């Protein structure tokens, strides 16, 4: 009889174990280039009926509960997600008041899903997130260098301290990953440099990406 851990695909390790990078064995995501002219739709819509997926990118700038199902049963969604032009990695939260172990666990989950989807042919763009400066020791592990990445400033601009933490992590990302382009959801502070692709707020079902000239 299968053990309980095996029967519920415990942490997905019976599906795939990646060799991983860094101290915590974070799965590596291969580089991808965003070519523009693409609409963005949330996973909460993409998991259902979505027309013309080849013209859209799937984002996870949502509350975690809206995409936790992808972690619990990735095989259920692989075929559907592979039809989209791009898939951003799930933005599992790394809030500063979370225990460090949970932050690293969420970083691992994000990368496991990203690497797994790439094996099934998805064009995956990593969503970069960080916490406090000590998270820089692991939060960039597994991220590709010199490729397209995605970030969100939502919830990070409503206090001086939060903005400082965001800008510090953003600059660390630029220094370590040298991204060729940055898909940016939310308000773009004037201090943020790089080849930024602004994405309109997701107030509607879909949103357009706008490249900075």
C-alpha atoms as a PDB file:
ATOM      1  CA  UNK A   1       0.000   0.000   0.000  1.00  0.00           C
ATOM      2  CA  UNK A   2       1.289   3.451  -0.896  1.00  0.00           C
ATOM      3  CA  UNK A   3       2.218   5.695   1.985  1.00  0.00           C
ATOM      4  CA  UNK A   4       0.071   8.698   2.727  1.00  0.00           C
ATOM      5  CA  UNK A   5       2.911  11.022   1.652  1.00  0.00           C
ATOM      6  CA  UNK A   6       3.159   9.297  -1.722  1.00  0.00           C
ATOM      7  CA  UNK A   7      -0.580   9.206  -2.291  1.00  0.00           C
ATOM      8  CA  UNK A   8      -0.863  12.988  -1.977  1.00  0.00           C
ATOM      9  CA  UNK A   9       2.299  13.684  -4.009  1.00  0.00           C
ATOM     10  CA  UNK A  10       4.057  15.066  -0.959  1.00  0.00           C
ATOM     11  CA  UNK A  11       5.717  18.371  -1.930  1.00  0.00           C
ATOM     12  CA  UNK A  12       5.776  17.070  -5.542  1.00  0.00           C
ATOM     13  CA  UNK A  13       9.027  15.193  -4.937  1.00  0.00           C
ATOM     14  CA  UNK A  14       7.587  11.963  -6.311  1.00  0.00           C
ATOM     15  CA  UNK A  15       6.881  13.826  -9.571  1.00  0.00           C
ATOM     16  CA  UNK A  16      10.329  15.336 -10.049  1.00  0.00           C
ATOM     17  CA  UNK A  17      13.430  16.093  -8.021  1.00  0.00           C
ATOM     18  CA  UNK A  18      15.630  18.801  -9.522  1.00  0.00           C
ATOM     19  CA  UNK A  19      19.339  18.944  -8.740  1.00  0.00           C
ATOM     20  CA  UNK A  20      18.942  22.577  -7.692  1.00  0.00           C
ATOM     21  CA  UNK A  21      21.303  25.464  -7.047  1.00  0.00           C
ATOM     22  CA  UNK A  22      22.612  27.249  -3.979  1.00  0.00           C
ATOM     23  CA  UNK A  23      22.484  26.167  -0.354  1.00  0.00           C
ATOM     24  CA  UNK A  24      18.808  25.183  -0.544  1.00  0.00           C
ATOM     25  CA  UNK A  25      18.773  23.303  -3.851  1.00  0.00           C
ATOM     26  CA  UNK A  26      16.533  25.772  -5.670  1.00  0.00           C
ATOM     27  CA  UNK A  27      15.518  24.463  -9.149  1.00  0.00           C
ATOM     28  CA  UNK A  28      17.086  26.469 -11.967  1.00  0.00           C
ATOM     29  CA  UNK A  29      14.881  28.341 -14.449  1.00  0.00           C
ATOM     30  CA  UNK A  30      16.230  28.676 -17.989  1.00  0.00           C
ATOM     31  CA  UNK A  31      16.323  32.158 -19.617  1.00  0.00           C
ATOM     32  CA  UNK A  32      13.417  33.423 -21.713  1.00  0.00           C
ATOM     33  CA  UNK A  33      12.896  36.597 -23.773  1.00  0.00           C
ATOM     34  CA  UNK A  34       9.663  38.576 -23.755  1.00  0.00           C
ATOM     35  CA  UNK A  35       8.862  39.671 -27.303  1.00  0.00           C
ATOM     36  CA  UNK A  36       6.010  42.043 -26.441  1.00  0.00           C
ATOM     37  CA  UNK A  37       2.574  42.500 -28.027  1.00  0.00           C
ATOM     38  CA  UNK A  38       0.969  40.282 -25.448  1.00  0.00           C
ATOM     39  CA  UNK A  39      -2.011  40.463 -23.116  1.00  0.00           C
ATOM     40  CA  UNK A  40      -1.761  39.336 -19.492  1.00  0.00           C
ATOM     41  CA  UNK A  41      -4.365  37.282 -17.693  1.00  0.00           C
ATOM     42  CA  UNK A  42      -4.406  35.944 -14.150  1.00  0.00           C
ATOM     43  CA  UNK A  43      -4.177  32.258 -13.386  1.00  0.00           C
ATOM     44  CA  UNK A  44      -7.662  32.472 -11.886  1.00  0.00           C
ATOM     45  CA  UNK A  45      -8.969  33.078 -15.423  1.00  0.00           C
ATOM     46  CA  UNK A  46      -6.404  30.996 -17.293  1.00  0.00           C
ATOM     47  CA  UNK A  47      -7.328  27.837 -15.391  1.00  0.00           C
ATOM     48  CA  UNK A  48     -10.842  28.036 -16.853  1.00  0.00           C
ATOM     49  CA  UNK A  49     -12.004  28.738 -20.390  1.00  0.00           C
ATOM     50  CA  UNK A  50      -9.721  31.328 -21.996  1.00  0.00           C
ATOM     51  CA  UNK A  51      -9.870  32.237 -25.675  1.00  0.00           C
ATOM     52  CA  UNK A  52      -6.737  32.733 -27.790  1.00  0.00           C
ATOM     53  CA  UNK A  53      -4.230  31.619 -25.134  1.00  0.00           C
ATOM     54  CA  UNK A  54      -1.418  31.839 -27.696  1.00  0.00           C
ATOM     55  CA  UNK A  55      -1.811  35.631 -27.533  1.00  0.00           C
ATOM     56  CA  UNK A  56      -1.673  35.865 -23.734  1.00  0.00           C
ATOM     57  CA  UNK A  57       0.690  35.520 -20.800  1.00  0.00           C
ATOM     58  CA  UNK A  58      -0.392  34.078 -17.470  1.00  0.00           C
ATOM     59  CA  UNK A  59       0.510  36.029 -14.335  1.00  0.00           C
ATOM     60  CA  UNK A  60       0.203  35.195 -10.625  1.00  0.00           C
ATOM     61  CA  UNK A  61      -0.080  38.679  -9.139  1.00  0.00           C
ATOM     62  CA  UNK A  62      -2.948  37.381  -7.048  1.00  0.00           C
ATOM     63  CA  UNK A  63      -3.568  36.228  -3.501  1.00  0.00           C
ATOM     64  CA  UNK A  64      -1.713  32.963  -2.936  1.00  0.00           C
ATOM     65  CA  UNK A  65      -4.891  30.954  -2.360  1.00  0.00           C
ATOM     66  CA  UNK A  66      -5.927  31.613  -5.969  1.00  0.00           C
ATOM     67  CA  UNK A  67      -3.044  29.577  -7.364  1.00  0.00           C
ATOM     68  CA  UNK A  68      -2.136  27.158  -4.581  1.00  0.00           C
ATOM     69  CA  UNK A  69      -3.949  24.487  -6.626  1.00  0.00           C
ATOM     70  CA  UNK A  70      -1.127  24.641  -9.183  1.00  0.00           C
ATOM     71  CA  UNK A  71       1.331  23.534  -6.502  1.00  0.00           C
ATOM     72  CA  UNK A  72      -0.965  20.853  -5.117  1.00  0.00           C
ATOM     73  CA  UNK A  73      -1.698  19.318  -8.528  1.00  0.00           C
ATOM     74  CA  UNK A  74       0.553  20.724 -11.284  1.00  0.00           C
ATOM     75  CA  UNK A  75      -0.221  17.922 -13.746  1.00  0.00           C
ATOM     76  CA  UNK A  76      -3.816  19.081 -13.876  1.00  0.00           C
ATOM     77  CA  UNK A  77      -2.764  22.412 -15.392  1.00  0.00           C
ATOM     78  CA  UNK A  78       0.367  21.677 -17.442  1.00  0.00           C
ATOM     79  CA  UNK A  79      -1.385  21.057 -20.763  1.00  0.00           C
ATOM     80  CA  UNK A  80      -3.584  24.148 -20.401  1.00  0.00           C
ATOM     81  CA  UNK A  81      -0.705  26.433 -19.441  1.00  0.00           C
ATOM     82  CA  UNK A  82       1.478  25.165 -22.288  1.00  0.00           C
ATOM     83  CA  UNK A  83      -0.984  26.731 -24.742  1.00  0.00           C
ATOM     84  CA  UNK A  84      -0.209  30.247 -23.544  1.00  0.00           C
ATOM     85  CA  UNK A  85       2.559  32.350 -25.063  1.00  0.00           C
ATOM     86  CA  UNK A  86       4.228  32.890 -21.694  1.00  0.00           C
ATOM     87  CA  UNK A  87       3.733  31.805 -18.104  1.00  0.00           C
ATOM     88  CA  UNK A  88       5.158  33.817 -15.222  1.00  0.00           C
ATOM     89  CA  UNK A  89       6.253  31.840 -12.186  1.00  0.00           C
ATOM     90  CA  UNK A  90       3.792  31.738  -9.258  1.00  0.00           C
ATOM     91  CA  UNK A  91       4.365  34.675  -6.935  1.00  0.00           C
ATOM     92  CA  UNK A  92       4.257  32.758  -3.643  1.00  0.00           C
ATOM     93  CA  UNK A  93       4.580  35.371  -0.926  1.00  0.00           C
ATOM     94  CA  UNK A  94       7.854  36.194   0.844  1.00  0.00           C
ATOM     95  CA  UNK A  95       6.536  38.796   3.264  1.00  0.00           C
ATOM     96  CA  UNK A  96       9.061  40.318   5.638  1.00  0.00           C
ATOM     97  CA  UNK A  97       7.111  39.102   8.683  1.00  0.00           C
ATOM     98  CA  UNK A  98       7.079  35.494   7.459  1.00  0.00           C
ATOM     99  CA  UNK A  99       9.549  33.121   9.145  1.00  0.00           C
ATOM    100  CA  UNK A 100      12.687  32.692   7.053  1.00  0.00           C
ATOM    101  CA  UNK A 101      11.917  28.997   6.540  1.00  0.00           C
ATOM    102  CA  UNK A 102       8.555  29.828   4.949  1.00  0.00           C
ATOM    103  CA  UNK A 103      10.100  32.482   2.719  1.00  0.00           C
ATOM    104  CA  UNK A 104      12.675  30.007   1.409  1.00  0.00           C
ATOM    105  CA  UNK A 105      10.015  27.323   1.019  1.00  0.00           C
ATOM    106  CA  UNK A 106       7.901  29.675  -1.099  1.00  0.00           C
ATOM    107  CA  UNK A 107      10.931  30.562  -3.214  1.00  0.00           C
ATOM    108  CA  UNK A 108      11.563  26.846  -3.716  1.00  0.00           C
ATOM    109  CA  UNK A 109       7.931  26.211  -4.710  1.00  0.00           C
ATOM    110  CA  UNK A 110       8.026  29.038  -7.226  1.00  0.00           C
ATOM    111  CA  UNK A 111      11.093  27.569  -8.884  1.00  0.00           C
ATOM    112  CA  UNK A 112       9.917  23.980  -8.781  1.00  0.00           C
ATOM    113  CA  UNK A 113       6.770  24.983 -10.681  1.00  0.00           C
ATOM    114  CA  UNK A 114       8.751  27.108 -13.149  1.00  0.00           C
ATOM    115  CA  UNK A 115      11.269  24.370 -13.917  1.00  0.00           C
ATOM    116  CA  UNK A 116       8.530  21.750 -14.162  1.00  0.00           C
ATOM    117  CA  UNK A 117       6.538  23.843 -16.641  1.00  0.00           C
ATOM    118  CA  UNK A 118       9.641  24.433 -18.751  1.00  0.00           C
ATOM    119  CA  UNK A 119      10.114  20.690 -19.064  1.00  0.00           C
ATOM    120  CA  UNK A 120       6.651  20.579 -20.639  1.00  0.00           C
ATOM    121  CA  UNK A 121       7.452  23.264 -23.173  1.00  0.00           C
ATOM    122  CA  UNK A 122       6.109  26.372 -21.421  1.00  0.00           C
ATOM    123  CA  UNK A 123       7.901  29.659 -22.036  1.00  0.00           C
ATOM    124  CA  UNK A 124       8.473  30.604 -18.422  1.00  0.00           C
ATOM    125  CA  UNK A 125       9.378  34.089 -17.177  1.00  0.00           C
ATOM    126  CA  UNK A 126      10.541  34.228 -13.548  1.00  0.00           C
ATOM    127  CA  UNK A 127       8.767  36.513 -11.096  1.00  0.00           C
ATOM    128  CA  UNK A 128      11.438  37.951  -8.815  1.00  0.00           C
ATOM    129  CA  UNK A 129      10.650  38.695  -5.184  1.00  0.00           C
ATOM    130  CA  UNK A 130      12.668  39.400  -2.068  1.00  0.00           C
ATOM    131  CA  UNK A 131      12.186  40.261   1.560  1.00  0.00           C
ATOM    132  CA  UNK A 132      14.755  42.046   3.713  1.00  0.00           C
ATOM    133  CA  UNK A 133      18.394  42.405   2.567  1.00  0.00           C
ATOM    134  CA  UNK A 134      19.411  39.131   4.234  1.00  0.00           C
ATOM    135  CA  UNK A 135      17.109  37.347   1.752  1.00  0.00           C
ATOM    136  CA  UNK A 136      19.543  38.279  -1.038  1.00  0.00           C
ATOM    137  CA  UNK A 137      21.595  35.294   0.116  1.00  0.00           C
ATOM    138  CA  UNK A 138      19.009  32.954  -1.451  1.00  0.00           C
ATOM    139  CA  UNK A 139      16.202  34.850  -3.225  1.00  0.00           C
ATOM    140  CA  UNK A 140      18.112  35.062  -6.522  1.00  0.00           C
ATOM    141  CA  UNK A 141      19.142  31.392  -6.515  1.00  0.00           C
ATOM    142  CA  UNK A 142      17.800  29.598  -9.566  1.00  0.00           C
ATOM    143  CA  UNK A 143      17.038  32.796 -11.467  1.00  0.00           C
ATOM    144  CA  UNK A 144      18.418  33.144 -15.015  1.00  0.00           C
ATOM    145  CA  UNK A 145      20.856  35.927 -15.847  1.00  0.00           C
ATOM    146  CA  UNK A 146      20.512  38.248 -18.824  1.00  0.00           C
ATOM    147  CA  UNK A 147      16.891  37.330 -19.593  1.00  0.00           C
ATOM    148  CA  UNK A 148      13.400  38.707 -19.027  1.00  0.00           C
ATOM    149  CA  UNK A 149      12.122  38.828 -15.454  1.00  0.00           C
ATOM    150  CA  UNK A 150       8.935  40.143 -13.824  1.00  0.00           C
ATOM    151  CA  UNK A 151       8.415  42.170 -10.647  1.00  0.00           C
ATOM    152  CA  UNK A 152       5.522  43.804  -8.806  1.00  0.00           C
ATOM    153  CA  UNK A 153       5.563  46.914  -6.637  1.00  0.00           C
ATOM    154  CA  UNK A 154       1.966  46.496  -5.448  1.00  0.00           C
ATOM    155  CA  UNK A 155       1.806  46.973  -1.686  1.00  0.00           C
ATOM    156  CA  UNK A 156       5.409  48.201  -1.588  1.00  0.00           C
ATOM    157  CA  UNK A 157       4.909  51.932  -2.107  1.00  0.00           C
ATOM    158  CA  UNK A 158       2.614  52.828   0.807  1.00  0.00           C
ATOM    159  CA  UNK A 159       5.349  53.627   3.319  1.00  0.00           C
ATOM    160  CA  UNK A 160       8.890  54.967   3.254  1.00  0.00           C
ATOM    161  CA  UNK A 161      10.287  51.770   4.786  1.00  0.00           C
ATOM    162  CA  UNK A 162       8.505  49.492   2.281  1.00  0.00           C
ATOM    163  CA  UNK A 163       9.682  51.588  -0.640  1.00  0.00           C
ATOM    164  CA  UNK A 164      13.261  51.487   0.638  1.00  0.00           C
ATOM    165  CA  UNK A 165      13.105  47.683   0.913  1.00  0.00           C
ATOM    166  CA  UNK A 166      11.657  47.425  -2.591  1.00  0.00           C
ATOM    167  CA  UNK A 167      14.302  49.672  -4.155  1.00  0.00           C
ATOM    168  CA  UNK A 168      17.109  47.879  -2.318  1.00  0.00           C
ATOM    169  CA  UNK A 169      15.950  44.506  -3.626  1.00  0.00           C
ATOM    170  CA  UNK A 170      15.312  45.876  -7.104  1.00  0.00           C
ATOM    171  CA  UNK A 171      18.851  47.238  -7.307  1.00  0.00           C
ATOM    172  CA  UNK A 172      20.257  43.949  -6.011  1.00  0.00           C
ATOM    173  CA  UNK A 173      18.289  42.135  -8.734  1.00  0.00           C
ATOM    174  CA  UNK A 174      19.747  44.412 -11.424  1.00  0.00           C
ATOM    175  CA  UNK A 175      23.272  43.908 -10.097  1.00  0.00           C
ATOM    176  CA  UNK A 176      23.055  40.125  -9.853  1.00  0.00           C
ATOM    177  CA  UNK A 177      20.804  39.109 -12.758  1.00  0.00           C
ATOM    178  CA  UNK A 178      21.441  41.838 -15.374  1.00  0.00           C
ATOM    179  CA  UNK A 179      17.971  41.349 -16.895  1.00  0.00           C
ATOM    180  CA  UNK A 180      17.512  42.268 -20.553  1.00  0.00           C
ATOM    181  CA  UNK A 181      13.945  43.392 -19.809  1.00  0.00           C
ATOM    182  CA  UNK A 182      11.735  43.718 -16.743  1.00  0.00           C
ATOM    183  CA  UNK A 183       7.983  43.177 -16.839  1.00  0.00           C
ATOM    184  CA  UNK A 184       6.789  45.609 -14.187  1.00  0.00           C
ATOM    185  CA  UNK A 185       3.332  45.431 -12.580  1.00  0.00           C
ATOM    186  CA  UNK A 186       2.375  48.345 -10.373  1.00  0.00           C
ATOM    187  CA  UNK A 187       3.718  51.840  -9.930  1.00  0.00           C
ATOM    188  CA  UNK A 188       7.239  52.246 -11.311  1.00  0.00           C
ATOM    189  CA  UNK A 189       9.348  54.457  -9.009  1.00  0.00           C
ATOM    190  CA  UNK A 190      11.522  56.930 -10.884  1.00  0.00           C
ATOM    191  CA  UNK A 191      14.562  55.376  -9.191  1.00  0.00           C
ATOM    192  CA  UNK A 192      14.024  52.070 -11.024  1.00  0.00           C
ATOM    193  CA  UNK A 193      16.320  51.664 -13.996  1.00  0.00           C
ATOM    194  CA  UNK A 194      16.444  49.110 -16.794  1.00  0.00           C
ATOM    195  CA  UNK A 195      14.498  48.106 -19.889  1.00  0.00           C
ATOM    196  CA  UNK A 196      11.088  48.216 -18.228  1.00  0.00           C
ATOM    197  CA  UNK A 197       7.917  46.792 -19.762  1.00  0.00           C
ATOM    198  CA  UNK A 198       5.022  48.434 -17.933  1.00  0.00           C
ATOM    199  CA  UNK A 199       1.880  46.365 -17.495  1.00  0.00           C
ATOM    200  CA  UNK A 200      -1.410  48.200 -16.972  1.00  0.00           C
ATOM    201  CA  UNK A 201      -3.231  47.498 -13.744  1.00  0.00           C
ATOM    202  CA  UNK A 202      -5.249  44.300 -13.790  1.00  0.00           C
ATOM    203  CA  UNK A 203      -8.547  46.054 -13.201  1.00  0.00           C
ATOM    204  CA  UNK A 204     -10.032  44.279 -16.182  1.00  0.00           C
ATOM    205  CA  UNK A 205      -9.850  40.647 -17.176  1.00  0.00           C
ATOM    206  CA  UNK A 206      -6.879  41.271 -19.457  1.00  0.00           C
ATOM    207  CA  UNK A 207      -4.204  43.933 -19.554  1.00  0.00           C
ATOM    208  CA  UNK A 208      -1.757  45.105 -22.198  1.00  0.00           C
ATOM    209  CA  UNK A 209       1.989  45.351 -21.834  1.00  0.00           C
ATOM    210  CA  UNK A 210       3.508  48.702 -22.765  1.00  0.00           C
ATOM    211  CA  UNK A 211       7.217  48.977 -23.483  1.00  0.00           C
ATOM    212  CA  UNK A 212       9.053  52.073 -22.295  1.00  0.00           C
ATOM    213  CA  UNK A 213      10.613  53.853 -25.215  1.00  0.00           C
END
